[in-house]
Amino acid sequence: MRSQHDKQIYKFLEDIGLGITINQAALMFFPRKFAYDYARQRLRQMHLRHLIKKYTNPFTGEIIYYIEDKPSYHNNAILNVYANFIAVGYNVSYFKNEQQWLEGKYRSDAFMIVE
């Protein structure tokens, strides 16, 4: 049985297309008390049910969960910024990874609109 949190995490992974760590999931989807434990448990269960895949980041040792394409280490750093915006109470109304500007002359790592 998929919990409401499982559905939220899966939809987030589908929409954003980046991977997620336990700490990032804790910051974005769970109440502060015991958030890390809940996130770890839900992501582990989703992996055991073959809903998501995982790998260990060789630089940080963190487990990164994802759906399709294995995310880069850089993508994980971008998602750390996103997760911290959510954790401090911002509402992210738009997010796009690797935005290009001025006909491809400039490239940003990500673009977010927050409230």
PDB file of N, CA and C in Angstrom:
ATOM      1  N   MET A   1       0.838  -1.179   0.000  1.00  0.00           N
ATOM      2  CA  MET A   1       0.000   0.000   0.000  1.00  0.00           C
ATOM      3  C   MET A   1       0.886   1.247   0.000  1.00  0.00           C
ATOM      4  N   ARG A   2       0.587   2.169  -0.881  1.00  0.00           N
ATOM      5  CA  ARG A   2       1.356   3.416  -0.961  1.00  0.00           C
ATOM      6  C   ARG A   2       0.718   4.469  -0.071  1.00  0.00           C
ATOM      7  N   SER A   3       1.542   5.084   0.755  1.00  0.00           N
ATOM      8  CA  SER A   3       1.049   6.136   1.644  1.00  0.00           C
ATOM      9  C   SER A   3       0.940   7.450   0.866  1.00  0.00           C
ATOM     10  N   GLN A   4       0.327   8.432   1.503  1.00  0.00           N
ATOM     11  CA  GLN A   4       0.211   9.751   0.890  1.00  0.00           C
ATOM     12  C   GLN A   4       1.605  10.340   0.636  1.00  0.00           C
ATOM     13  N   HIS A   5       2.527  10.127   1.582  1.00  0.00           N
ATOM     14  CA  HIS A   5       3.888  10.607   1.410  1.00  0.00           C
ATOM     15  C   HIS A   5       4.566   9.908   0.227  1.00  0.00           C
ATOM     16  N   ASP A   6       4.337   8.609   0.068  1.00  0.00           N
ATOM     17  CA  ASP A   6       4.902   7.881  -1.066  1.00  0.00           C
ATOM     18  C   ASP A   6       4.452   8.515  -2.382  1.00  0.00           C
ATOM     19  N   LYS A   7       3.174   8.833  -2.458  1.00  0.00           N
ATOM     20  CA  LYS A   7       2.621   9.433  -3.671  1.00  0.00           C
ATOM     21  C   LYS A   7       3.232  10.807  -3.928  1.00  0.00           C
ATOM     22  N   GLN A   8       3.401  11.599  -2.868  1.00  0.00           N
ATOM     23  CA  GLN A   8       3.994  12.926  -3.016  1.00  0.00           C
ATOM     24  C   GLN A   8       5.446  12.827  -3.494  1.00  0.00           C
ATOM     25  N   ILE A   9       6.193  11.928  -2.895  1.00  0.00           N
ATOM     26  CA  ILE A   9       7.603  11.757  -3.268  1.00  0.00           C
ATOM     27  C   ILE A   9       7.711  11.268  -4.713  1.00  0.00           C
ATOM     28  N   TYR A  10       6.898  10.283  -5.069  1.00  0.00           N
ATOM     29  CA  TYR A  10       6.958   9.732  -6.426  1.00  0.00           C
ATOM     30  C   TYR A  10       6.603  10.799  -7.456  1.00  0.00           C
ATOM     31  N   LYS A  11       5.548  11.576  -7.192  1.00  0.00           N
ATOM     32  CA  LYS A  11       5.146  12.645  -8.112  1.00  0.00           C
ATOM     33  C   LYS A  11       6.258  13.683  -8.229  1.00  0.00           C
ATOM     34  N   PHE A  12       6.886  14.021  -7.119  1.00  0.00           N
ATOM     35  CA  PHE A  12       7.994  14.966  -7.144  1.00  0.00           C
ATOM     36  C   PHE A  12       9.126  14.435  -8.029  1.00  0.00           C
ATOM     37  N   LEU A  13       9.494  13.179  -7.856  1.00  0.00           N
ATOM     38  CA  LEU A  13      10.564  12.583  -8.664  1.00  0.00           C
ATOM     39  C   LEU A  13      10.191  12.550 -10.147  1.00  0.00           C
ATOM     40  N   GLU A  14       8.933  12.286 -10.444  1.00  0.00           N
ATOM     41  CA  GLU A  14       8.471  12.302 -11.835  1.00  0.00           C
ATOM     42  C   GLU A  14       8.544  13.703 -12.436  1.00  0.00           C
ATOM     43  N   ASP A  15       8.047  14.687 -11.692  1.00  0.00           N
ATOM     44  CA  ASP A  15       7.966  16.061 -12.203  1.00  0.00           C
ATOM     45  C   ASP A  15       9.334  16.715 -12.336  1.00  0.00           C
ATOM     46  N   ILE A  16      10.172  16.568 -11.333  1.00  0.00           N
ATOM     47  CA  ILE A  16      11.467  17.244 -11.315  1.00  0.00           C
ATOM     48  C   ILE A  16      12.500  16.483 -12.132  1.00  0.00           C
ATOM     49  N   GLY A  17      12.449  15.165 -12.092  1.00  0.00           N
ATOM     50  CA  GLY A  17      13.389  14.363 -12.867  1.00  0.00           C
ATOM     51  C   GLY A  17      14.772  14.238 -12.252  1.00  0.00           C
ATOM     52  N   LEU A  18      14.922  14.684 -11.019  1.00  0.00           N
ATOM     53  CA  LEU A  18      16.190  14.558 -10.303  1.00  0.00           C
ATOM     54  C   LEU A  18      16.022  13.515  -9.207  1.00  0.00           C
ATOM     55  N   GLY A  19      17.102  13.068  -8.645  1.00  0.00           N
ATOM     56  CA  GLY A  19      17.025  12.140  -7.536  1.00  0.00           C
ATOM     57  C   GLY A  19      16.786  12.877  -6.235  1.00  0.00           C
ATOM     58  N   ILE A  20      16.594  12.109  -5.168  1.00  0.00           N
ATOM     59  CA  ILE A  20      16.337  12.702  -3.856  1.00  0.00           C
ATOM     60  C   ILE A  20      17.051  11.884  -2.791  1.00  0.00           C
ATOM     61  N   THR A  21      17.625  12.563  -1.819  1.00  0.00           N
ATOM     62  CA  THR A  21      18.268  11.880  -0.693  1.00  0.00           C
ATOM     63  C   THR A  21      17.275  11.793   0.459  1.00  0.00           C
ATOM     64  N   ILE A  22      17.641  11.016   1.458  1.00  0.00           N
ATOM     65  CA  ILE A  22      16.790  10.906   2.646  1.00  0.00           C
ATOM     66  C   ILE A  22      16.627  12.273   3.300  1.00  0.00           C
ATOM     67  N   ASN A  23      17.721  12.996   3.451  1.00  0.00           N
ATOM     68  CA  ASN A  23      17.661  14.302   4.100  1.00  0.00           C
ATOM     69  C   ASN A  23      16.791  15.285   3.313  1.00  0.00           C
ATOM     70  N   GLN A  24      16.899  15.277   1.996  1.00  0.00           N
ATOM     71  CA  GLN A  24      16.076  16.165   1.172  1.00  0.00           C
ATOM     72  C   GLN A  24      14.597  15.822   1.318  1.00  0.00           C
ATOM     73  N   ALA A  25      14.268  14.532   1.296  1.00  0.00           N
ATOM     74  CA  ALA A  25      12.876  14.107   1.473  1.00  0.00           C
ATOM     75  C   ALA A  25      12.362  14.518   2.848  1.00  0.00           C
ATOM     76  N   ALA A  26      13.215  14.388   3.863  1.00  0.00           N
ATOM     77  CA  ALA A  26      12.829  14.787   5.220  1.00  0.00           C
ATOM     78  C   ALA A  26      12.501  16.271   5.269  1.00  0.00           C
ATOM     79  N   LEU A  27      13.320  17.093   4.624  1.00  0.00           N
ATOM     80  CA  LEU A  27      13.103  18.545   4.617  1.00  0.00           C
ATOM     81  C   LEU A  27      11.818  18.934   3.884  1.00  0.00           C
ATOM     82  N   MET A  28      11.482  18.213   2.830  1.00  0.00           N
ATOM     83  CA  MET A  28      10.370  18.624   1.978  1.00  0.00           C
ATOM     84  C   MET A  28       9.020  18.000   2.313  1.00  0.00           C
ATOM     85  N   PHE A  29       9.015  16.770   2.836  1.00  0.00           N
ATOM     86  CA  PHE A  29       7.751  16.039   2.914  1.00  0.00           C
ATOM     87  C   PHE A  29       7.302  15.605   4.306  1.00  0.00           C
ATOM     88  N   PHE A  30       8.120  15.758   5.322  1.00  0.00           N
ATOM     89  CA  PHE A  30       7.770  15.209   6.627  1.00  0.00           C
ATOM     90  C   PHE A  30       7.836  16.259   7.721  1.00  0.00           C
ATOM     91  N   PRO A  31       7.011  16.093   8.766  1.00  0.00           N
ATOM     92  CA  PRO A  31       7.075  17.014   9.905  1.00  0.00           C
ATOM     93  C   PRO A  31       8.453  16.947  10.549  1.00  0.00           C
ATOM     94  N   ARG A  32       8.869  18.014  11.176  1.00  0.00           N
ATOM     95  CA  ARG A  32      10.227  18.114  11.700  1.00  0.00           C
ATOM     96  C   ARG A  32      10.616  17.015  12.684  1.00  0.00           C
ATOM     97  N   LYS A  33       9.748  16.643  13.591  1.00  0.00           N
ATOM     98  CA  LYS A  33      10.106  15.625  14.575  1.00  0.00           C
ATOM     99  C   LYS A  33      10.154  14.252  13.897  1.00  0.00           C
ATOM    100  N   PHE A  34      11.281  13.606  13.950  1.00  0.00           N
ATOM    101  CA  PHE A  34      11.507  12.284  13.356  1.00  0.00           C
ATOM    102  C   PHE A  34      11.440  12.278  11.826  1.00  0.00           C
ATOM    103  N   ALA A  35      11.598  13.424  11.201  1.00  0.00           N
ATOM    104  CA  ALA A  35      11.478  13.539   9.747  1.00  0.00           C
ATOM    105  C   ALA A  35      12.463  12.627   9.020  1.00  0.00           C
ATOM    106  N   TYR A  36      13.706  12.608   9.470  1.00  0.00           N
ATOM    107  CA  TYR A  36      14.721  11.797   8.801  1.00  0.00           C
ATOM    108  C   TYR A  36      14.354  10.319   8.862  1.00  0.00           C
ATOM    109  N   ASP A  37      13.903   9.853  10.018  1.00  0.00           N
ATOM    110  CA  ASP A  37      13.519   8.443  10.174  1.00  0.00           C
ATOM    111  C   ASP A  37      12.338   8.075   9.284  1.00  0.00           C
ATOM    112  N   TYR A  38      11.335   8.949   9.231  1.00  0.00           N
ATOM    113  CA  TYR A  38      10.178   8.692   8.369  1.00  0.00           C
ATOM    114  C   TYR A  38      10.597   8.658   6.899  1.00  0.00           C
ATOM    115  N   ALA A  39      11.396   9.620   6.496  1.00  0.00           N
ATOM    116  CA  ALA A  39      11.840   9.679   5.103  1.00  0.00           C
ATOM    117  C   ALA A  39      12.642   8.438   4.740  1.00  0.00           C
ATOM    118  N   ARG A  40      13.550   8.039   5.614  1.00  0.00           N
ATOM    119  CA  ARG A  40      14.366   6.846   5.354  1.00  0.00           C
ATOM    120  C   ARG A  40      13.481   5.618   5.189  1.00  0.00           C
ATOM    121  N   GLN A  41      12.509   5.476   6.070  1.00  0.00           N
ATOM    122  CA  GLN A  41      11.604   4.319   6.023  1.00  0.00           C
ATOM    123  C   GLN A  41      10.771   4.312   4.736  1.00  0.00           C
ATOM    124  N   ARG A  42      10.193   5.456   4.369  1.00  0.00           N
ATOM    125  CA  ARG A  42       9.341   5.505   3.182  1.00  0.00           C
ATOM    126  C   ARG A  42      10.150   5.254   1.912  1.00  0.00           C
ATOM    127  N   LEU A  43      11.322   5.876   1.791  1.00  0.00           N
ATOM    128  CA  LEU A  43      12.153   5.671   0.592  1.00  0.00           C
ATOM    129  C   LEU A  43      12.632   4.229   0.500  1.00  0.00           C
ATOM    130  N   ARG A  44      12.989   3.650   1.626  1.00  0.00           N
ATOM    131  CA  ARG A  44      13.425   2.249   1.630  1.00  0.00           C
ATOM    132  C   ARG A  44      12.294   1.330   1.171  1.00  0.00           C
ATOM    133  N   GLN A  45      11.078   1.571   1.681  1.00  0.00           N
ATOM    134  CA  GLN A  45       9.934   0.749   1.288  1.00  0.00           C
ATOM    135  C   GLN A  45       9.612   0.913  -0.203  1.00  0.00           C
ATOM    136  N   MET A  46       9.702   2.130  -0.700  1.00  0.00           N
ATOM    137  CA  MET A  46       9.455   2.363  -2.122  1.00  0.00           C
ATOM    138  C   MET A  46      10.501   1.640  -2.972  1.00  0.00           C
ATOM    139  N   HIS A  47      11.736   1.608  -2.495  1.00  0.00           N
ATOM    140  CA  HIS A  47      12.796   0.895  -3.216  1.00  0.00           C
ATOM    141  C   HIS A  47      12.557  -0.611  -3.164  1.00  0.00           C
ATOM    142  N   LEU A  48      12.189  -1.124  -2.006  1.00  0.00           N
ATOM    143  CA  LEU A  48      11.937  -2.566  -1.877  1.00  0.00           C
ATOM    144  C   LEU A  48      10.763  -3.018  -2.747  1.00  0.00           C
ATOM    145  N   ARG A  49       9.806  -2.140  -2.988  1.00  0.00           N
ATOM    146  CA  ARG A  49       8.666  -2.456  -3.852  1.00  0.00           C
ATOM    147  C   ARG A  49       8.970  -2.157  -5.321  1.00  0.00           C
ATOM    148  N   HIS A  50      10.231  -1.808  -5.610  1.00  0.00           N
ATOM    149  CA  HIS A  50      10.706  -1.547  -6.979  1.00  0.00           C
ATOM    150  C   HIS A  50      10.012  -0.369  -7.638  1.00  0.00           C
ATOM    151  N   LEU A  51       9.564   0.600  -6.830  1.00  0.00           N
ATOM    152  CA  LEU A  51       8.983   1.823  -7.388  1.00  0.00           C
ATOM    153  C   LEU A  51      10.076   2.807  -7.770  1.00  0.00           C
ATOM    154  N   ILE A  52      11.187   2.769  -7.035  1.00  0.00           N
ATOM    155  CA  ILE A  52      12.305   3.667  -7.305  1.00  0.00           C
ATOM    156  C   ILE A  52      13.610   2.886  -7.211  1.00  0.00           C
ATOM    157  N   LYS A  53      14.652   3.466  -7.794  1.00  0.00           N
ATOM    158  CA  LYS A  53      15.988   2.867  -7.759  1.00  0.00           C
ATOM    159  C   LYS A  53      16.860   3.688  -6.821  1.00  0.00           C
ATOM    160  N   LYS A  54      18.052   3.174  -6.514  1.00  0.00           N
ATOM    161  CA  LYS A  54      18.949   3.942  -5.661  1.00  0.00           C
ATOM    162  C   LYS A  54      20.400   3.674  -6.027  1.00  0.00           C
ATOM    163  N   TYR A  55      21.261   4.620  -5.653  1.00  0.00           N
ATOM    164  CA  TYR A  55      22.701   4.432  -5.741  1.00  0.00           C
ATOM    165  C   TYR A  55      23.345   5.309  -4.673  1.00  0.00           C
ATOM    166  N   THR A  56      24.591   5.041  -4.363  1.00  0.00           N
ATOM    167  CA  THR A  56      25.299   5.801  -3.341  1.00  0.00           C
ATOM    168  C   THR A  56      26.241   6.798  -4.012  1.00  0.00           C
ATOM    169  N   ASN A  57      26.109   8.052  -3.611  1.00  0.00           N
ATOM    170  CA  ASN A  57      26.977   9.103  -4.112  1.00  0.00           C
ATOM    171  C   ASN A  57      28.382   8.854  -3.569  1.00  0.00           C
ATOM    172  N   PRO A  58      29.372   8.625  -4.441  1.00  0.00           N
ATOM    173  CA  PRO A  58      30.714   8.294  -3.955  1.00  0.00           C
ATOM    174  C   PRO A  58      31.424   9.453  -3.256  1.00  0.00           C
ATOM    175  N   PHE A  59      30.953  10.680  -3.468  1.00  0.00           N
ATOM    176  CA  PHE A  59      31.587  11.842  -2.837  1.00  0.00           C
ATOM    177  C   PHE A  59      31.051  12.100  -1.439  1.00  0.00           C
ATOM    178  N   THR A  60      29.733  11.941  -1.255  1.00  0.00           N
ATOM    179  CA  THR A  60      29.113  12.259   0.037  1.00  0.00           C
ATOM    180  C   THR A  60      28.711  11.029   0.833  1.00  0.00           C
ATOM    181  N   GLY A  61      28.603   9.880   0.159  1.00  0.00           N
ATOM    182  CA  GLY A  61      28.155   8.666   0.830  1.00  0.00           C
ATOM    183  C   GLY A  61      26.645   8.593   1.007  1.00  0.00           C
ATOM    184  N   GLU A  62      25.924   9.606   0.514  1.00  0.00           N
ATOM    185  CA  GLU A  62      24.468   9.621   0.640  1.00  0.00           C
ATOM    186  C   GLU A  62      23.837   8.678  -0.383  1.00  0.00           C
ATOM    187  N   ILE A  63      22.733   8.077  -0.005  1.00  0.00           N
ATOM    188  CA  ILE A  63      21.952   7.273  -0.941  1.00  0.00           C
ATOM    189  C   ILE A  63      21.035   8.222  -1.695  1.00  0.00           C
ATOM    190  N   ILE A  64      21.038   8.118  -3.014  1.00  0.00           N
ATOM    191  CA  ILE A  64      20.181   8.953  -3.851  1.00  0.00           C
ATOM    192  C   ILE A  64      19.161   8.040  -4.533  1.00  0.00           C
ATOM    193  N   TYR A  65      17.894   8.344  -4.329  1.00  0.00           N
ATOM    194  CA  TYR A  65      16.799   7.578  -4.914  1.00  0.00           C
ATOM    195  C   TYR A  65      16.298   8.304  -6.157  1.00  0.00           C
ATOM    196  N   TYR A  66      15.923   7.531  -7.176  1.00  0.00           N
ATOM    197  CA  TYR A  66      15.471   8.122  -8.441  1.00  0.00           C
ATOM    198  C   TYR A  66      14.559   7.128  -9.151  1.00  0.00           C
ATOM    199  N   ILE A  67      13.912   7.605 -10.230  1.00  0.00           N
ATOM    200  CA  ILE A  67      12.986   6.746 -10.976  1.00  0.00           C
ATOM    201  C   ILE A  67      13.650   6.186 -12.226  1.00  0.00           C
ATOM    202  N   GLU A  68      14.042   7.044 -13.147  1.00  0.00           N
ATOM    203  CA  GLU A  68      14.549   6.597 -14.447  1.00  0.00           C
ATOM    204  C   GLU A  68      16.049   6.775 -14.592  1.00  0.00           C
ATOM    205  N   ASP A  69      16.435   8.021 -14.866  1.00  0.00           N
ATOM    206  CA  ASP A  69      17.827   8.330 -15.162  1.00  0.00           C
ATOM    207  C   ASP A  69      18.592   8.654 -13.883  1.00  0.00           C
ATOM    208  N   LYS A  70      19.712   7.994 -13.718  1.00  0.00           N
ATOM    209  CA  LYS A  70      20.555   8.229 -12.551  1.00  0.00           C
ATOM    210  C   LYS A  70      21.006   9.691 -12.555  1.00  0.00           C
ATOM    211  N   PRO A  71      20.678  10.431 -11.487  1.00  0.00           N
ATOM    212  CA  PRO A  71      21.036  11.848 -11.463  1.00  0.00           C
ATOM    213  C   PRO A  71      22.528  12.061 -11.217  1.00  0.00           C
ATOM    214  N   SER A  72      23.012  13.191 -11.680  1.00  0.00           N
ATOM    215  CA  SER A  72      24.425  13.520 -11.468  1.00  0.00           C
ATOM    216  C   SER A  72      24.620  14.053 -10.054  1.00  0.00           C
ATOM    217  N   TYR A  73      25.870  14.132  -9.645  1.00  0.00           N
ATOM    218  CA  TYR A  73      26.194  14.685  -8.327  1.00  0.00           C
ATOM    219  C   TYR A  73      25.814  16.165  -8.286  1.00  0.00           C
ATOM    220  N   HIS A  74      25.984  16.822  -9.417  1.00  0.00           N
ATOM    221  CA  HIS A  74      25.636  18.234  -9.522  1.00  0.00           C
ATOM    222  C   HIS A  74      24.132  18.433  -9.341  1.00  0.00           C
ATOM    223  N   ASN A  75      23.328  17.562  -9.935  1.00  0.00           N
ATOM    224  CA  ASN A  75      21.880  17.650  -9.771  1.00  0.00           C
ATOM    225  C   ASN A  75      21.482  17.512  -8.313  1.00  0.00           C
ATOM    226  N   ASN A  76      22.208  16.685  -7.590  1.00  0.00           N
ATOM    227  CA  ASN A  76      21.918  16.511  -6.174  1.00  0.00           C
ATOM    228  C   ASN A  76      22.202  17.793  -5.395  1.00  0.00           C
ATOM    229  N   ALA A  77      23.246  18.498  -5.757  1.00  0.00           N
ATOM    230  CA  ALA A  77      23.564  19.781  -5.117  1.00  0.00           C
ATOM    231  C   ALA A  77      22.465  20.807  -5.401  1.00  0.00           C
ATOM    232  N   ILE A  78      21.949  20.803  -6.618  1.00  0.00           N
ATOM    233  CA  ILE A  78      20.854  21.705  -6.974  1.00  0.00           C
ATOM    234  C   ILE A  78      19.627  21.394  -6.129  1.00  0.00           C
ATOM    235  N   LEU A  79      19.330  20.121  -5.961  1.00  0.00           N
ATOM    236  CA  LEU A  79      18.163  19.747  -5.173  1.00  0.00           C
ATOM    237  C   LEU A  79      18.341  20.084  -3.694  1.00  0.00           C
ATOM    238  N   ASN A  80      19.566  20.137  -3.202  1.00  0.00           N
ATOM    239  CA  ASN A  80      19.796  20.587  -1.830  1.00  0.00           C
ATOM    240  C   ASN A  80      19.299  22.016  -1.643  1.00  0.00           C
ATOM    241  N   VAL A  81      19.545  22.865  -2.630  1.00  0.00           N
ATOM    242  CA  VAL A  81      19.068  24.249  -2.565  1.00  0.00           C
ATOM    243  C   VAL A  81      17.541  24.259  -2.558  1.00  0.00           C
ATOM    244  N   TYR A  82      16.947  23.508  -3.461  1.00  0.00           N
ATOM    245  CA  TYR A  82      15.485  23.419  -3.554  1.00  0.00           C
ATOM    246  C   TYR A  82      14.892  22.963  -2.223  1.00  0.00           C
ATOM    247  N   ALA A  83      15.426  21.892  -1.661  1.00  0.00           N
ATOM    248  CA  ALA A  83      14.909  21.334  -0.404  1.00  0.00           C
ATOM    249  C   ALA A  83      15.013  22.333   0.734  1.00  0.00           C
ATOM    250  N   ASN A  84      16.085  23.086   0.780  1.00  0.00           N
ATOM    251  CA  ASN A  84      16.241  24.069   1.849  1.00  0.00           C
ATOM    252  C   ASN A  84      15.281  25.242   1.688  1.00  0.00           C
ATOM    253  N   PHE A  85      14.944  25.629   0.472  1.00  0.00           N
ATOM    254  CA  PHE A  85      13.916  26.639   0.276  1.00  0.00           C
ATOM    255  C   PHE A  85      12.585  26.154   0.853  1.00  0.00           C
ATOM    256  N   ILE A  86      12.236  24.903   0.585  1.00  0.00           N
ATOM    257  CA  ILE A  86      10.990  24.329   1.102  1.00  0.00           C
ATOM    258  C   ILE A  86      11.035  24.278   2.632  1.00  0.00           C
ATOM    259  N   ALA A  87      12.159  23.858   3.181  1.00  0.00           N
ATOM    260  CA  ALA A  87      12.298  23.678   4.629  1.00  0.00           C
ATOM    261  C   ALA A  87      12.102  24.973   5.407  1.00  0.00           C
ATOM    262  N   VAL A  88      12.495  26.098   4.834  1.00  0.00           N
ATOM    263  CA  VAL A  88      12.348  27.365   5.556  1.00  0.00           C
ATOM    264  C   VAL A  88      11.018  28.056   5.261  1.00  0.00           C
ATOM    265  N   GLY A  89      10.159  27.400   4.478  1.00  0.00           N
ATOM    266  CA  GLY A  89       8.803  27.890   4.322  1.00  0.00           C
ATOM    267  C   GLY A  89       8.441  28.535   2.998  1.00  0.00           C
ATOM    268  N   TYR A  90       9.340  28.536   2.034  1.00  0.00           N
ATOM    269  CA  TYR A  90       9.008  29.092   0.727  1.00  0.00           C
ATOM    270  C   TYR A  90       8.136  28.123  -0.056  1.00  0.00           C
ATOM    271  N   ASN A  91       7.298  28.674  -0.920  1.00  0.00           N
ATOM    272  CA  ASN A  91       6.497  27.883  -1.844  1.00  0.00           C
ATOM    273  C   ASN A  91       7.151  28.007  -3.218  1.00  0.00           C
ATOM    274  N   VAL A  92       7.635  26.894  -3.748  1.00  0.00           N
ATOM    275  CA  VAL A  92       8.267  26.913  -5.067  1.00  0.00           C
ATOM    276  C   VAL A  92       7.164  26.697  -6.104  1.00  0.00           C
ATOM    277  N   SER A  93       6.847  27.759  -6.838  1.00  0.00           N
ATOM    278  CA  SER A  93       5.765  27.668  -7.812  1.00  0.00           C
ATOM    279  C   SER A  93       6.256  27.219  -9.190  1.00  0.00           C
ATOM    280  N   TYR A  94       7.576  27.329  -9.425  1.00  0.00           N
ATOM    281  CA  TYR A  94       8.130  26.882 -10.702  1.00  0.00           C
ATOM    282  C   TYR A  94       9.574  26.474 -10.476  1.00  0.00           C
ATOM    283  N   PHE A  95       9.963  25.360 -11.102  1.00  0.00           N
ATOM    284  CA  PHE A  95      11.350  24.898 -11.032  1.00  0.00           C
ATOM    285  C   PHE A  95      11.699  24.243 -12.354  1.00  0.00           C
ATOM    286  N   LYS A  96      12.837  24.621 -12.892  1.00  0.00           N
ATOM    287  CA  LYS A  96      13.330  23.964 -14.095  1.00  0.00           C
ATOM    288  C   LYS A  96      14.832  23.800 -13.956  1.00  0.00           C
ATOM    289  N   ASN A  97      15.302  22.612 -14.209  1.00  0.00           N
ATOM    290  CA  ASN A  97      16.717  22.289 -14.147  1.00  0.00           C
ATOM    291  C   ASN A  97      17.394  22.738 -15.435  1.00  0.00           C
ATOM    292  N   GLU A  98      18.593  23.290 -15.347  1.00  0.00           N
ATOM    293  CA  GLU A  98      19.405  23.704 -16.493  1.00  0.00           C
ATOM    294  C   GLU A  98      18.643  24.566 -17.491  1.00  0.00           C
ATOM    295  N   GLN A  99      18.417  25.781 -17.113  1.00  0.00           N
ATOM    296  CA  GLN A  99      17.729  26.758 -17.959  1.00  0.00           C
ATOM    297  C   GLN A  99      18.735  27.460 -18.865  1.00  0.00           C
ATOM    298  N   GLN A 100      18.399  27.647 -20.150  1.00  0.00           N
ATOM    299  CA  GLN A 100      19.270  28.375 -21.082  1.00  0.00           C
ATOM    300  C   GLN A 100      18.652  29.746 -21.353  1.00  0.00           C
ATOM    301  N   TRP A 101      19.527  30.735 -21.523  1.00  0.00           N
ATOM    302  CA  TRP A 101      19.107  32.118 -21.700  1.00  0.00           C
ATOM    303  C   TRP A 101      19.774  32.723 -22.938  1.00  0.00           C
ATOM    304  N   LEU A 102      19.127  33.711 -23.520  1.00  0.00           N
ATOM    305  CA  LEU A 102      19.662  34.463 -24.654  1.00  0.00           C
ATOM    306  C   LEU A 102      20.165  33.551 -25.770  1.00  0.00           C
ATOM    307  N   GLU A 103      19.230  32.734 -26.243  1.00  0.00           N
ATOM    308  CA  GLU A 103      19.501  31.815 -27.359  1.00  0.00           C
ATOM    309  C   GLU A 103      20.671  30.878 -27.082  1.00  0.00           C
ATOM    310  N   GLY A 104      20.758  30.406 -25.850  1.00  0.00           N
ATOM    311  CA  GLY A 104      21.785  29.444 -25.483  1.00  0.00           C
ATOM    312  C   GLY A 104      23.136  30.033 -25.140  1.00  0.00           C
ATOM    313  N   LYS A 105      23.229  31.355 -25.124  1.00  0.00           N
ATOM    314  CA  LYS A 105      24.500  32.006 -24.828  1.00  0.00           C
ATOM    315  C   LYS A 105      24.907  31.816 -23.363  1.00  0.00           C
ATOM    316  N   TYR A 106      23.919  31.769 -22.487  1.00  0.00           N
ATOM    317  CA  TYR A 106      24.155  31.571 -21.057  1.00  0.00           C
ATOM    318  C   TYR A 106      23.319  30.395 -20.564  1.00  0.00           C
ATOM    319  N   ARG A 107      23.839  29.732 -19.554  1.00  0.00           N
ATOM    320  CA  ARG A 107      23.116  28.595 -18.972  1.00  0.00           C
ATOM    321  C   ARG A 107      23.185  28.699 -17.459  1.00  0.00           C
ATOM    322  N   SER A 108      22.028  28.531 -16.812  1.00  0.00           N
ATOM    323  CA  SER A 108      21.998  28.497 -15.353  1.00  0.00           C
ATOM    324  C   SER A 108      21.755  27.056 -14.914  1.00  0.00           C
ATOM    325  N   ASP A 109      22.211  26.731 -13.723  1.00  0.00           N
ATOM    326  CA  ASP A 109      22.020  25.373 -13.203  1.00  0.00           C
ATOM    327  C   ASP A 109      20.560  25.043 -13.019  1.00  0.00           C
ATOM    328  N   ALA A 110      19.791  26.035 -12.591  1.00  0.00           N
ATOM    329  CA  ALA A 110      18.368  25.840 -12.375  1.00  0.00           C
ATOM    330  C   ALA A 110      17.701  27.200 -12.340  1.00  0.00           C
ATOM    331  N   PHE A 111      16.378  27.188 -12.462  1.00  0.00           N
ATOM    332  CA  PHE A 111      15.591  28.411 -12.358  1.00  0.00           C
ATOM    333  C   PHE A 111      14.394  28.107 -11.487  1.00  0.00           C
ATOM    334  N   MET A 112      14.186  28.933 -10.460  1.00  0.00           N
ATOM    335  CA  MET A 112      13.055  28.735  -9.550  1.00  0.00           C
ATOM    336  C   MET A 112      12.313  30.048  -9.378  1.00  0.00           C
ATOM    337  N   ILE A 113      10.995  29.933  -9.263  1.00  0.00           N
ATOM    338  CA  ILE A 113      10.169  31.060  -8.833  1.00  0.00           C
ATOM    339  C   ILE A 113       9.605  30.655  -7.479  1.00  0.00           C
ATOM    340  N   VAL A 114       9.883  31.477  -6.478  1.00  0.00           N
ATOM    341  CA  VAL A 114       9.447  31.155  -5.114  1.00  0.00           C
ATOM    342  C   VAL A 114       8.609  32.298  -4.549  1.00  0.00           C
ATOM    343  N   GLU A 115       7.720  31.935  -3.648  1.00  0.00           N
ATOM    344  CA  GLU A 115       6.875  32.920  -2.956  1.00  0.00           C
ATOM    345  C   GLU A 115       7.157  32.822  -1.477  1.00  0.00           C
TER     346      GLU A 115
END
